[in-house]
Amino acid sequence: MKELIGHAHVAEYFSQVLGQGNIAHAYCFSGIAHVGKTYVAESLATKLLACSKEDLVTHADMVYIHQEKHQKTGKTKKYIDIAQIRELNTQVARSPALGKRRVVIINPADIINEAGFNALLKTVEEPRSQTHFFFLVENYDTVPKTIQSRCQHIYFSVPSHTDIAVLQEGETTEEWELKCKIARGLPGLLIAWKEKPEVYQEVKREVDRCEQLFFTCFDEKLRKVEDMFGDKTDHISTRKHLGEVIDIWQVVFRHIMKKNIGVHDGMRGLSRDIVCSPKIMKELLDMLDNTKDLLGKNIHPKALFEQLLLHIP
């Protein structure tokens, strides 16, 4: 795992268990999205299946379970459902096609519904072939205790600033510090933005939009966020996007709060000098947390954001 950013203890652990031939049949990797869980799971899969990263996606013994779209409507499904798990169980019941092992990566496993987890339990407990499961989740507590007890849990913390510095090549110090703050130090985002600079420019435009919401009338605020709600026919995809927007706004709000109490956080690339009470900013940050939680409920996203906009000065 030479290209792994941070997580030295994880790399060392798996180096030992692979060397000793003691790798477990089920792991649960928990940690915030883009922290490195997928990279580690796929790196282990290449070793277990003796193939390259490029060949992994099409390998006959590599199974990916993820959030799918409805065949008829084209809308993103809310859950990984029992139909997907039953199909997985059928695959796992057969012997591996090319070698002695099979690898299953379920990402995000947080969204397997209750029926799906129940259907998966016996398969994880008693795999009929040399199958290795990797459950990738943000919140370990969303995994039922019955599944937790059958997996080895590994938590992925955000890498240190020193660890991610290897990605700075070609960046000015000011731009790098800004990028790291917006990415919250997450290597997956930093790598994606380096590979696709246009995506990072979209993120910076979201930062700019967030700043422009301050000290404008409510109608103007509504106009500025109108395009955020995207495809009104695919509510799950839209809610996921809005969650990513909230992540960006949280970074901006924290920066404004710190600046107004005289704390320098290294974000020198922001364009506006917003003066706002730290108390108000703390309340707005709490509202952002609540809005993100409510995005998963049966509440219209636009109504949630309108409520938030009412409180931005």
C-alpha atoms as a PDB file:
ATOM      1  CA  MET A   1       0.000   0.000   0.000  1.00  0.00           C
ATOM      2  CA  LYS A   2       2.765   2.418  -0.981  1.00  0.00           C
ATOM      3  CA  GLU A   3       0.331   5.109  -2.200  1.00  0.00           C
ATOM      4  CA  LEU A   4      -1.824   5.066   0.944  1.00  0.00           C
ATOM      5  CA  ILE A   5      -2.045   8.537   2.515  1.00  0.00           C
ATOM      6  CA  GLY A   6      -1.822   8.163   6.291  1.00  0.00           C
ATOM      7  CA  HIS A   7      -3.179   5.103   8.144  1.00  0.00           C
ATOM      8  CA  ALA A   8       0.317   3.662   8.680  1.00  0.00           C
ATOM      9  CA  HIS A   9      -0.983   1.433  11.486  1.00  0.00           C
ATOM     10  CA  VAL A  10      -3.634  -0.024   9.160  1.00  0.00           C
ATOM     11  CA  ALA A  11      -1.061  -0.742   6.456  1.00  0.00           C
ATOM     12  CA  GLU A  12       1.260  -2.369   8.996  1.00  0.00           C
ATOM     13  CA  TYR A  13      -1.541  -4.507  10.434  1.00  0.00           C
ATOM     14  CA  PHE A  14      -2.603  -5.883   7.060  1.00  0.00           C
ATOM     15  CA  SER A  15       1.000  -6.410   5.999  1.00  0.00           C
ATOM     16  CA  GLN A  16       1.378  -8.696   9.012  1.00  0.00           C
ATOM     17  CA  VAL A  17      -1.878 -10.633   8.630  1.00  0.00           C
ATOM     18  CA  LEU A  18      -1.315 -11.147   4.903  1.00  0.00           C
ATOM     19  CA  GLY A  19       2.228 -12.304   5.563  1.00  0.00           C
ATOM     20  CA  GLN A  20       1.003 -14.751   8.190  1.00  0.00           C
ATOM     21  CA  GLY A  21      -1.985 -15.892   6.119  1.00  0.00           C
ATOM     22  CA  ASN A  22      -4.335 -14.864   8.929  1.00  0.00           C
ATOM     23  CA  ILE A  23      -6.631 -12.415   7.178  1.00  0.00           C
ATOM     24  CA  ALA A  24     -10.165 -12.551   8.583  1.00  0.00           C
ATOM     25  CA  HIS A  25     -13.221 -13.352   6.492  1.00  0.00           C
ATOM     26  CA  ALA A  26     -15.040 -10.112   7.411  1.00  0.00           C
ATOM     27  CA  TYR A  27     -13.956  -6.559   8.203  1.00  0.00           C
ATOM     28  CA  CYS A  28     -15.910  -3.407   8.919  1.00  0.00           C
ATOM     29  CA  PHE A  29     -14.052  -0.217   7.956  1.00  0.00           C
ATOM     30  CA  SER A  30     -15.558   2.893   9.533  1.00  0.00           C
ATOM     31  CA  GLY A  31     -14.682   6.545   9.038  1.00  0.00           C
ATOM     32  CA  ILE A  32     -15.793   9.646   7.187  1.00  0.00           C
ATOM     33  CA  ALA A  33     -16.201   9.419   3.400  1.00  0.00           C
ATOM     34  CA  HIS A  34     -13.016  10.000   1.331  1.00  0.00           C
ATOM     35  CA  VAL A  35     -10.718   9.099   4.235  1.00  0.00           C
ATOM     36  CA  GLY A  36      -9.184   6.036   2.532  1.00  0.00           C
ATOM     37  CA  LYS A  37     -11.447   3.062   3.324  1.00  0.00           C
ATOM     38  CA  THR A  38     -12.135   2.174  -0.309  1.00  0.00           C
ATOM     39  CA  TYR A  39      -8.467   2.456  -1.252  1.00  0.00           C
ATOM     40  CA  VAL A  40      -7.437   0.007   1.474  1.00  0.00           C
ATOM     41  CA  ALA A  41     -10.265  -2.443   0.696  1.00  0.00           C
ATOM     42  CA  GLU A  42      -9.418  -2.470  -3.011  1.00  0.00           C
ATOM     43  CA  SER A  43      -5.683  -2.770  -2.330  1.00  0.00           C
ATOM     44  CA  LEU A  44      -6.353  -5.822  -0.175  1.00  0.00           C
ATOM     45  CA  ALA A  45      -8.628  -7.238  -2.875  1.00  0.00           C
ATOM     46  CA  THR A  46      -5.814  -7.027  -5.450  1.00  0.00           C
ATOM     47  CA  LYS A  47      -3.550  -9.003  -3.134  1.00  0.00           C
ATOM     48  CA  LEU A  48      -6.171 -11.621  -2.291  1.00  0.00           C
ATOM     49  CA  LEU A  49      -7.159 -12.076  -5.940  1.00  0.00           C
ATOM     50  CA  ALA A  50      -3.620 -11.631  -7.318  1.00  0.00           C
ATOM     51  CA  CYS A  51      -4.669  -9.027  -9.878  1.00  0.00           C
ATOM     52  CA  SER A  52      -3.992  -5.379 -10.693  1.00  0.00           C
ATOM     53  CA  LYS A  53      -6.138  -2.434  -9.611  1.00  0.00           C
ATOM     54  CA  GLU A  54      -7.114  -1.938 -13.255  1.00  0.00           C
ATOM     55  CA  ASP A  55      -8.405  -5.519 -13.563  1.00  0.00           C
ATOM     56  CA  LEU A  56     -10.255  -5.508 -10.252  1.00  0.00           C
ATOM     57  CA  VAL A  57     -13.564  -4.085 -11.507  1.00  0.00           C
ATOM     58  CA  THR A  58     -13.993  -6.835 -14.115  1.00  0.00           C
ATOM     59  CA  HIS A  59     -12.490  -9.694 -12.090  1.00  0.00           C
ATOM     60  CA  ALA A  60     -14.878 -12.654 -11.903  1.00  0.00           C
ATOM     61  CA  ASP A  61     -14.280 -13.104  -8.164  1.00  0.00           C
ATOM     62  CA  MET A  62     -14.647  -9.433  -7.212  1.00  0.00           C
ATOM     63  CA  VAL A  63     -18.140  -8.379  -6.111  1.00  0.00           C
ATOM     64  CA  TYR A  64     -19.142  -4.762  -5.523  1.00  0.00           C
ATOM     65  CA  ILE A  65     -22.423  -4.021  -3.748  1.00  0.00           C
ATOM     66  CA  HIS A  66     -23.475  -0.378  -3.888  1.00  0.00           C
ATOM     67  CA  GLN A  67     -26.459   1.939  -4.101  1.00  0.00           C
ATOM     68  CA  GLU A  68     -28.225   1.171  -7.382  1.00  0.00           C
ATOM     69  CA  LYS A  69     -30.847   2.898  -9.482  1.00  0.00           C
ATOM     70  CA  HIS A  70     -34.362   1.564 -10.057  1.00  0.00           C
ATOM     71  CA  GLN A  71     -34.489  -0.146 -13.443  1.00  0.00           C
ATOM     72  CA  LYS A  72     -37.865   1.334 -14.381  1.00  0.00           C
ATOM     73  CA  THR A  73     -37.607   4.886 -13.039  1.00  0.00           C
ATOM     74  CA  GLY A  74     -33.850   5.474 -13.156  1.00  0.00           C
ATOM     75  CA  LYS A  75     -34.032   7.005  -9.668  1.00  0.00           C
ATOM     76  CA  THR A  76     -31.403   6.226  -7.042  1.00  0.00           C
ATOM     77  CA  LYS A  77     -32.576   3.659  -4.498  1.00  0.00           C
ATOM     78  CA  LYS A  78     -32.675   4.780  -0.885  1.00  0.00           C
ATOM     79  CA  TYR A  79     -31.258   1.475   0.384  1.00  0.00           C
ATOM     80  CA  ILE A  80     -29.168  -1.492  -0.583  1.00  0.00           C
ATOM     81  CA  ASP A  81     -32.139  -3.823  -0.508  1.00  0.00           C
ATOM     82  CA  ILE A  82     -32.846  -7.485   0.055  1.00  0.00           C
ATOM     83  CA  ALA A  83     -32.921  -8.225  -3.691  1.00  0.00           C
ATOM     84  CA  GLN A  84     -29.270  -7.166  -3.990  1.00  0.00           C
ATOM     85  CA  ILE A  85     -28.326  -9.185  -0.914  1.00  0.00           C
ATOM     86  CA  ARG A  86     -30.113 -12.304  -2.178  1.00  0.00           C
ATOM     87  CA  GLU A  87     -28.212 -12.032  -5.445  1.00  0.00           C
ATOM     88  CA  LEU A  88     -24.989 -11.668  -3.448  1.00  0.00           C
ATOM     89  CA  ASN A  89     -25.843 -14.745  -1.371  1.00  0.00           C
ATOM     90  CA  THR A  90     -26.316 -16.729  -4.575  1.00  0.00           C
ATOM     91  CA  GLN A  91     -22.911 -15.615  -5.876  1.00  0.00           C
ATOM     92  CA  VAL A  92     -21.143 -16.389  -2.623  1.00  0.00           C
ATOM     93  CA  ALA A  93     -22.703 -19.871  -2.472  1.00  0.00           C
ATOM     94  CA  ARG A  94     -20.756 -20.818  -5.604  1.00  0.00           C
ATOM     95  CA  SER A  95     -17.050 -21.586  -5.680  1.00  0.00           C
ATOM     96  CA  PRO A  96     -14.743 -18.795  -6.902  1.00  0.00           C
ATOM     97  CA  ALA A  97     -14.452 -18.734 -10.697  1.00  0.00           C
ATOM     98  CA  LEU A  98     -10.733 -18.105 -11.187  1.00  0.00           C
ATOM     99  CA  GLY A  99      -8.935 -18.877  -7.951  1.00  0.00           C
ATOM    100  CA  LYS A 100      -9.440 -19.908  -4.360  1.00  0.00           C
ATOM    101  CA  ARG A 101     -10.848 -16.616  -3.040  1.00  0.00           C
ATOM    102  CA  ARG A 102     -13.650 -14.160  -3.594  1.00  0.00           C
ATOM    103  CA  VAL A 103     -13.823 -10.568  -2.306  1.00  0.00           C
ATOM    104  CA  VAL A 104     -17.009  -8.612  -1.554  1.00  0.00           C
ATOM    105  CA  ILE A 105     -16.901  -4.848  -0.968  1.00  0.00           C
ATOM    106  CA  ILE A 106     -20.161  -3.312   0.263  1.00  0.00           C
ATOM    107  CA  ASN A 107     -20.035   0.471   0.058  1.00  0.00           C
ATOM    108  CA  PRO A 108     -21.805   2.189   1.709  1.00  0.00           C
ATOM    109  CA  ALA A 109     -22.941  -0.595   4.009  1.00  0.00           C
ATOM    110  CA  ASP A 110     -24.691   2.007   6.200  1.00  0.00           C
ATOM    111  CA  ILE A 111     -27.658   1.895   3.819  1.00  0.00           C
ATOM    112  CA  ILE A 112     -28.365  -1.829   3.783  1.00  0.00           C
ATOM    113  CA  ASN A 113     -31.950  -2.072   5.006  1.00  0.00           C
ATOM    114  CA  GLU A 114     -33.008  -4.300   7.902  1.00  0.00           C
ATOM    115  CA  ALA A 115     -34.251  -7.113   5.675  1.00  0.00           C
ATOM    116  CA  GLY A 116     -30.988  -7.000   3.744  1.00  0.00           C
ATOM    117  CA  PHE A 117     -28.867  -7.288   6.885  1.00  0.00           C
ATOM    118  CA  ASN A 118     -31.002 -10.191   8.113  1.00  0.00           C
ATOM    119  CA  ALA A 119     -30.576 -11.990   4.794  1.00  0.00           C
ATOM    120  CA  LEU A 120     -26.824 -11.393   4.902  1.00  0.00           C
ATOM    121  CA  LEU A 121     -26.240 -12.583   8.458  1.00  0.00           C
ATOM    122  CA  LYS A 122     -25.859 -16.317   7.836  1.00  0.00           C
ATOM    123  CA  THR A 123     -23.688 -15.722   4.760  1.00  0.00           C
ATOM    124  CA  VAL A 124     -21.248 -13.600   6.761  1.00  0.00           C
ATOM    125  CA  GLU A 125     -21.329 -16.027   9.669  1.00  0.00           C
ATOM    126  CA  GLU A 126     -20.689 -19.134   7.578  1.00  0.00           C
ATOM    127  CA  PRO A 127     -19.353 -18.231   4.113  1.00  0.00           C
ATOM    128  CA  ARG A 128     -19.505 -21.310   1.870  1.00  0.00           C
ATOM    129  CA  SER A 129     -16.317 -20.428   0.022  1.00  0.00           C
ATOM    130  CA  GLN A 130     -13.125 -18.495   0.715  1.00  0.00           C
ATOM    131  CA  THR A 131     -14.983 -15.198   0.696  1.00  0.00           C
ATOM    132  CA  HIS A 132     -13.708 -12.014   2.333  1.00  0.00           C
ATOM    133  CA  PHE A 133     -16.234  -9.286   3.160  1.00  0.00           C
ATOM    134  CA  PHE A 134     -15.416  -5.590   3.548  1.00  0.00           C
ATOM    135  CA  PHE A 135     -18.231  -3.454   4.960  1.00  0.00           C
ATOM    136  CA  LEU A 136     -17.473   0.248   4.420  1.00  0.00           C
ATOM    137  CA  VAL A 137     -19.440   2.625   6.648  1.00  0.00           C
ATOM    138  CA  GLU A 138     -19.258   6.169   7.959  1.00  0.00           C
ATOM    139  CA  ASN A 139     -20.997   5.371  11.227  1.00  0.00           C
ATOM    140  CA  TYR A 140     -20.166   2.019  12.837  1.00  0.00           C
ATOM    141  CA  ASP A 141     -23.247   2.252  15.047  1.00  0.00           C
ATOM    142  CA  THR A 142     -25.501   1.866  11.981  1.00  0.00           C
ATOM    143  CA  VAL A 143     -24.263  -1.707  11.580  1.00  0.00           C
ATOM    144  CA  PRO A 144     -26.412  -4.214  13.514  1.00  0.00           C
ATOM    145  CA  LYS A 145     -24.709  -5.839  16.505  1.00  0.00           C
ATOM    146  CA  THR A 146     -25.207  -9.235  14.885  1.00  0.00           C
ATOM    147  CA  ILE A 147     -23.029  -8.154  11.946  1.00  0.00           C
ATOM    148  CA  GLN A 148     -20.548  -6.250  14.135  1.00  0.00           C
ATOM    149  CA  SER A 149     -19.873  -9.384  16.154  1.00  0.00           C
ATOM    150  CA  ARG A 150     -18.849 -11.258  13.006  1.00  0.00           C
ATOM    151  CA  CYS A 151     -16.475  -8.573  11.693  1.00  0.00           C
ATOM    152  CA  GLN A 152     -13.161  -7.125  12.760  1.00  0.00           C
ATOM    153  CA  HIS A 153     -13.631  -3.374  13.119  1.00  0.00           C
ATOM    154  CA  ILE A 154     -11.013  -0.912  11.880  1.00  0.00           C
ATOM    155  CA  TYR A 155     -11.530   2.821  12.322  1.00  0.00           C
ATOM    156  CA  PHE A 156      -9.996   5.245   9.813  1.00  0.00           C
ATOM    157  CA  SER A 157      -9.169   8.652  11.296  1.00  0.00           C
ATOM    158  CA  VAL A 158      -8.424  11.728   9.173  1.00  0.00           C
ATOM    159  CA  PRO A 159      -4.701  11.734   8.237  1.00  0.00           C
ATOM    160  CA  SER A 160      -2.417  14.388   9.692  1.00  0.00           C
ATOM    161  CA  HIS A 161      -1.450  17.540   7.799  1.00  0.00           C
ATOM    162  CA  THR A 162       2.040  16.069   7.473  1.00  0.00           C
ATOM    163  CA  ASP A 163       0.701  12.873   5.885  1.00  0.00           C
ATOM    164  CA  ILE A 164      -1.333  14.667   3.225  1.00  0.00           C
ATOM    165  CA  ALA A 165       1.517  17.077   2.393  1.00  0.00           C
ATOM    166  CA  VAL A 166       2.735  14.577  -0.233  1.00  0.00           C
ATOM    167  CA  LEU A 167      -0.198  15.770  -2.368  1.00  0.00           C
ATOM    168  CA  GLN A 168       0.878  19.441  -2.351  1.00  0.00           C
ATOM    169  CA  GLU A 169       3.152  19.229  -5.402  1.00  0.00           C
ATOM    170  CA  GLY A 170       2.396  22.053  -7.844  1.00  0.00           C
ATOM    171  CA  GLU A 171       0.295  24.034  -5.337  1.00  0.00           C
ATOM    172  CA  THR A 172       1.159  27.393  -3.790  1.00  0.00           C
ATOM    173  CA  THR A 173       1.127  27.401   0.005  1.00  0.00           C
ATOM    174  CA  GLU A 174      -1.945  29.649   0.121  1.00  0.00           C
ATOM    175  CA  GLU A 175      -3.944  27.570  -2.357  1.00  0.00           C
ATOM    176  CA  TRP A 176      -2.885  24.320  -0.666  1.00  0.00           C
ATOM    177  CA  GLU A 177      -3.947  25.517   2.784  1.00  0.00           C
ATOM    178  CA  LEU A 178      -7.315  26.611   1.423  1.00  0.00           C
ATOM    179  CA  LYS A 179      -7.812  23.337  -0.419  1.00  0.00           C
ATOM    180  CA  CYS A 180      -6.913  21.284   2.672  1.00  0.00           C
ATOM    181  CA  LYS A 181      -9.380  23.219   4.814  1.00  0.00           C
ATOM    182  CA  ILE A 182     -12.225  22.837   2.331  1.00  0.00           C
ATOM    183  CA  ALA A 183     -11.410  19.119   1.941  1.00  0.00           C
ATOM    184  CA  ARG A 184     -11.238  18.777   5.746  1.00  0.00           C
ATOM    185  CA  GLY A 185      -7.911  16.981   5.264  1.00  0.00           C
ATOM    186  CA  LEU A 186      -9.546  14.085   3.423  1.00  0.00           C
ATOM    187  CA  PRO A 187      -7.084  12.513   0.955  1.00  0.00           C
ATOM    188  CA  GLY A 188      -9.802  11.106  -1.293  1.00  0.00           C
ATOM    189  CA  LEU A 189     -11.128  14.593  -2.036  1.00  0.00           C
ATOM    190  CA  LEU A 190      -7.657  16.087  -2.494  1.00  0.00           C
ATOM    191  CA  ILE A 191      -6.690  13.352  -4.951  1.00  0.00           C
ATOM    192  CA  ALA A 192      -9.981  13.686  -6.857  1.00  0.00           C
ATOM    193  CA  TRP A 193      -9.548  17.458  -7.130  1.00  0.00           C
ATOM    194  CA  LYS A 194      -5.980  17.062  -8.365  1.00  0.00           C
ATOM    195  CA  GLU A 195      -7.129  14.615 -11.038  1.00  0.00           C
ATOM    196  CA  LYS A 196     -10.140  16.761 -11.994  1.00  0.00           C
ATOM    197  CA  PRO A 197      -9.400  20.455 -11.326  1.00  0.00           C
ATOM    198  CA  GLU A 198     -12.798  21.410 -12.749  1.00  0.00           C
ATOM    199  CA  VAL A 199     -14.465  19.641  -9.813  1.00  0.00           C
ATOM    200  CA  TYR A 200     -12.432  21.731  -7.369  1.00  0.00           C
ATOM    201  CA  GLN A 201     -13.471  24.885  -9.222  1.00  0.00           C
ATOM    202  CA  GLU A 202     -17.103  23.870  -8.656  1.00  0.00           C
ATOM    203  CA  VAL A 203     -16.333  23.478  -4.956  1.00  0.00           C
ATOM    204  CA  LYS A 204     -14.766  26.941  -4.846  1.00  0.00           C
ATOM    205  CA  ARG A 205     -17.866  28.365  -6.507  1.00  0.00           C
ATOM    206  CA  GLU A 206     -19.900  26.772  -3.711  1.00  0.00           C
ATOM    207  CA  VAL A 207     -17.629  28.461  -1.160  1.00  0.00           C
ATOM    208  CA  ASP A 208     -18.208  31.782  -2.931  1.00  0.00           C
ATOM    209  CA  ARG A 209     -21.976  31.226  -2.979  1.00  0.00           C
ATOM    210  CA  CYS A 210     -21.959  30.515   0.747  1.00  0.00           C
ATOM    211  CA  GLU A 211     -20.110  33.760   1.470  1.00  0.00           C
ATOM    212  CA  GLN A 212     -22.529  35.739  -0.709  1.00  0.00           C
ATOM    213  CA  LEU A 213     -25.506  34.596   1.370  1.00  0.00           C
ATOM    214  CA  PHE A 214     -24.500  36.920   4.198  1.00  0.00           C
ATOM    215  CA  PHE A 215     -26.080  40.369   4.467  1.00  0.00           C
ATOM    216  CA  THR A 216     -28.417  40.033   1.500  1.00  0.00           C
ATOM    217  CA  CYS A 217     -32.218  40.021   1.528  1.00  0.00           C
ATOM    218  CA  PHE A 218     -34.099  36.732   1.823  1.00  0.00           C
ATOM    219  CA  ASP A 219     -35.346  36.819  -1.778  1.00  0.00           C
ATOM    220  CA  GLU A 220     -31.778  37.226  -3.009  1.00  0.00           C
ATOM    221  CA  LYS A 221     -30.666  34.316  -0.827  1.00  0.00           C
ATOM    222  CA  LEU A 222     -33.392  32.142  -2.359  1.00  0.00           C
ATOM    223  CA  ARG A 223     -32.313  33.130  -5.849  1.00  0.00           C
ATOM    224  CA  LYS A 224     -28.691  32.197  -5.121  1.00  0.00           C
ATOM    225  CA  VAL A 225     -29.568  28.670  -3.938  1.00  0.00           C
ATOM    226  CA  GLU A 226     -32.283  27.871  -6.487  1.00  0.00           C
ATOM    227  CA  ASP A 227     -30.023  25.678  -8.646  1.00  0.00           C
ATOM    228  CA  MET A 228     -28.837  23.601  -5.676  1.00  0.00           C
ATOM    229  CA  PHE A 229     -31.850  21.336  -5.738  1.00  0.00           C
ATOM    230  CA  GLY A 230     -30.837  19.727  -9.018  1.00  0.00           C
ATOM    231  CA  ASP A 231     -32.812  16.868 -10.518  1.00  0.00           C
ATOM    232  CA  LYS A 232     -36.206  17.010  -8.842  1.00  0.00           C
ATOM    233  CA  THR A 233     -36.983  13.481 -10.064  1.00  0.00           C
ATOM    234  CA  ASP A 234     -34.080  11.806  -8.208  1.00  0.00           C
ATOM    235  CA  HIS A 235     -34.549  12.848  -4.598  1.00  0.00           C
ATOM    236  CA  ILE A 236     -31.898  10.516  -3.142  1.00  0.00           C
ATOM    237  CA  SER A 237     -29.189  11.834  -5.457  1.00  0.00           C
ATOM    238  CA  THR A 238     -30.220  15.433  -4.722  1.00  0.00           C
ATOM    239  CA  ARG A 239     -30.120  14.855  -0.962  1.00  0.00           C
ATOM    240  CA  LYS A 240     -26.643  13.351  -1.256  1.00  0.00           C
ATOM    241  CA  HIS A 241     -25.462  16.418  -3.185  1.00  0.00           C
ATOM    242  CA  LEU A 242     -26.997  18.745  -0.590  1.00  0.00           C
ATOM    243  CA  GLY A 243     -25.149  16.866   2.143  1.00  0.00           C
ATOM    244  CA  GLU A 244     -21.905  17.635   0.296  1.00  0.00           C
ATOM    245  CA  VAL A 245     -22.933  21.301   0.048  1.00  0.00           C
ATOM    246  CA  ILE A 246     -23.488  21.393   3.808  1.00  0.00           C
ATOM    247  CA  ASP A 247     -19.987  19.983   4.352  1.00  0.00           C
ATOM    248  CA  ILE A 248     -18.591  22.951   2.398  1.00  0.00           C
ATOM    249  CA  TRP A 249     -20.779  25.488   4.187  1.00  0.00           C
ATOM    250  CA  GLN A 250     -19.657  24.113   7.549  1.00  0.00           C
ATOM    251  CA  VAL A 251     -16.036  24.836   6.637  1.00  0.00           C
ATOM    252  CA  VAL A 252     -16.915  28.408   5.622  1.00  0.00           C
ATOM    253  CA  PHE A 253     -19.042  29.028   8.726  1.00  0.00           C
ATOM    254  CA  ARG A 254     -16.271  27.765  11.014  1.00  0.00           C
ATOM    255  CA  HIS A 255     -13.768  30.008   9.250  1.00  0.00           C
ATOM    256  CA  ILE A 256     -16.013  33.056   9.744  1.00  0.00           C
ATOM    257  CA  MET A 257     -16.519  32.207  13.419  1.00  0.00           C
ATOM    258  CA  LYS A 258     -12.793  31.725  14.056  1.00  0.00           C
ATOM    259  CA  LYS A 259     -11.866  34.907  12.216  1.00  0.00           C
ATOM    260  CA  ASN A 260     -14.339  36.901  14.312  1.00  0.00           C
ATOM    261  CA  ILE A 261     -12.747  35.694  17.544  1.00  0.00           C
ATOM    262  CA  GLY A 262      -9.235  36.381  16.244  1.00  0.00           C
ATOM    263  CA  VAL A 263      -8.178  32.800  15.484  1.00  0.00           C
ATOM    264  CA  HIS A 264      -6.221  32.302  12.251  1.00  0.00           C
ATOM    265  CA  ASP A 265      -7.050  28.984  10.565  1.00  0.00           C
ATOM    266  CA  GLY A 266      -4.874  29.272   7.454  1.00  0.00           C
ATOM    267  CA  MET A 267      -7.743  29.911   5.011  1.00  0.00           C
ATOM    268  CA  ARG A 268      -6.321  32.995   3.322  1.00  0.00           C
ATOM    269  CA  GLY A 269      -7.892  32.319  -0.058  1.00  0.00           C
ATOM    270  CA  LEU A 270     -11.442  33.369   0.823  1.00  0.00           C
ATOM    271  CA  SER A 271     -12.514  36.600  -0.811  1.00  0.00           C
ATOM    272  CA  ARG A 272     -14.969  38.220   1.615  1.00  0.00           C
ATOM    273  CA  ASP A 273     -14.365  39.715   5.038  1.00  0.00           C
ATOM    274  CA  ILE A 274     -17.569  38.815   6.890  1.00  0.00           C
ATOM    275  CA  VAL A 275     -18.139  40.316  10.325  1.00  0.00           C
ATOM    276  CA  CYS A 276     -20.618  38.279  12.340  1.00  0.00           C
ATOM    277  CA  SER A 277     -21.118  37.425  15.992  1.00  0.00           C
ATOM    278  CA  PRO A 278     -19.454  34.117  17.015  1.00  0.00           C
ATOM    279  CA  LYS A 279     -22.680  33.308  18.879  1.00  0.00           C
ATOM    280  CA  ILE A 280     -24.685  33.602  15.656  1.00  0.00           C
ATOM    281  CA  MET A 281     -22.124  31.525  13.764  1.00  0.00           C
ATOM    282  CA  LYS A 282     -22.282  28.804  16.436  1.00  0.00           C
ATOM    283  CA  GLU A 283     -26.079  28.737  16.103  1.00  0.00           C
ATOM    284  CA  LEU A 284     -25.767  28.492  12.314  1.00  0.00           C
ATOM    285  CA  LEU A 285     -23.313  25.605  12.617  1.00  0.00           C
ATOM    286  CA  ASP A 286     -25.752  23.795  14.900  1.00  0.00           C
ATOM    287  CA  MET A 287     -28.503  24.401  12.337  1.00  0.00           C
ATOM    288  CA  LEU A 288     -26.293  22.973   9.581  1.00  0.00           C
ATOM    289  CA  ASP A 289     -25.760  19.808  11.618  1.00  0.00           C
ATOM    290  CA  ASN A 290     -29.498  19.514  12.164  1.00  0.00           C
ATOM    291  CA  THR A 291     -30.252  20.184   8.489  1.00  0.00           C
ATOM    292  CA  LYS A 292     -27.860  17.434   7.425  1.00  0.00           C
ATOM    293  CA  ASP A 293     -29.515  14.984   9.821  1.00  0.00           C
ATOM    294  CA  LEU A 294     -32.978  15.926   8.545  1.00  0.00           C
ATOM    295  CA  LEU A 295     -31.969  15.406   4.904  1.00  0.00           C
ATOM    296  CA  GLY A 296     -32.365  11.702   5.583  1.00  0.00           C
ATOM    297  CA  LYS A 297     -35.943  12.192   6.788  1.00  0.00           C
ATOM    298  CA  ASN A 298     -39.129  12.686   4.811  1.00  0.00           C
ATOM    299  CA  ILE A 299     -38.846  16.485   4.777  1.00  0.00           C
ATOM    300  CA  HIS A 300     -38.549  18.528   1.593  1.00  0.00           C
ATOM    301  CA  PRO A 301     -34.896  19.667   1.259  1.00  0.00           C
ATOM    302  CA  LYS A 302     -35.855  23.103  -0.039  1.00  0.00           C
ATOM    303  CA  ALA A 303     -37.930  23.755   3.093  1.00  0.00           C
ATOM    304  CA  LEU A 304     -34.940  22.787   5.249  1.00  0.00           C
ATOM    305  CA  PHE A 305     -32.637  25.196   3.447  1.00  0.00           C
ATOM    306  CA  GLU A 306     -35.197  28.010   3.474  1.00  0.00           C
ATOM    307  CA  GLN A 307     -35.369  27.689   7.257  1.00  0.00           C
ATOM    308  CA  LEU A 308     -31.581  27.897   7.400  1.00  0.00           C
ATOM    309  CA  LEU A 309     -31.468  30.942   5.099  1.00  0.00           C
ATOM    310  CA  LEU A 310     -33.890  32.790   7.376  1.00  0.00           C
ATOM    311  CA  HIS A 311     -31.258  32.711  10.115  1.00  0.00           C
ATOM    312  CA  ILE A 312     -28.258  33.804   8.038  1.00  0.00           C
ATOM    313  CA  PRO A 313     -27.818  37.559   8.692  1.00  0.00           C
END
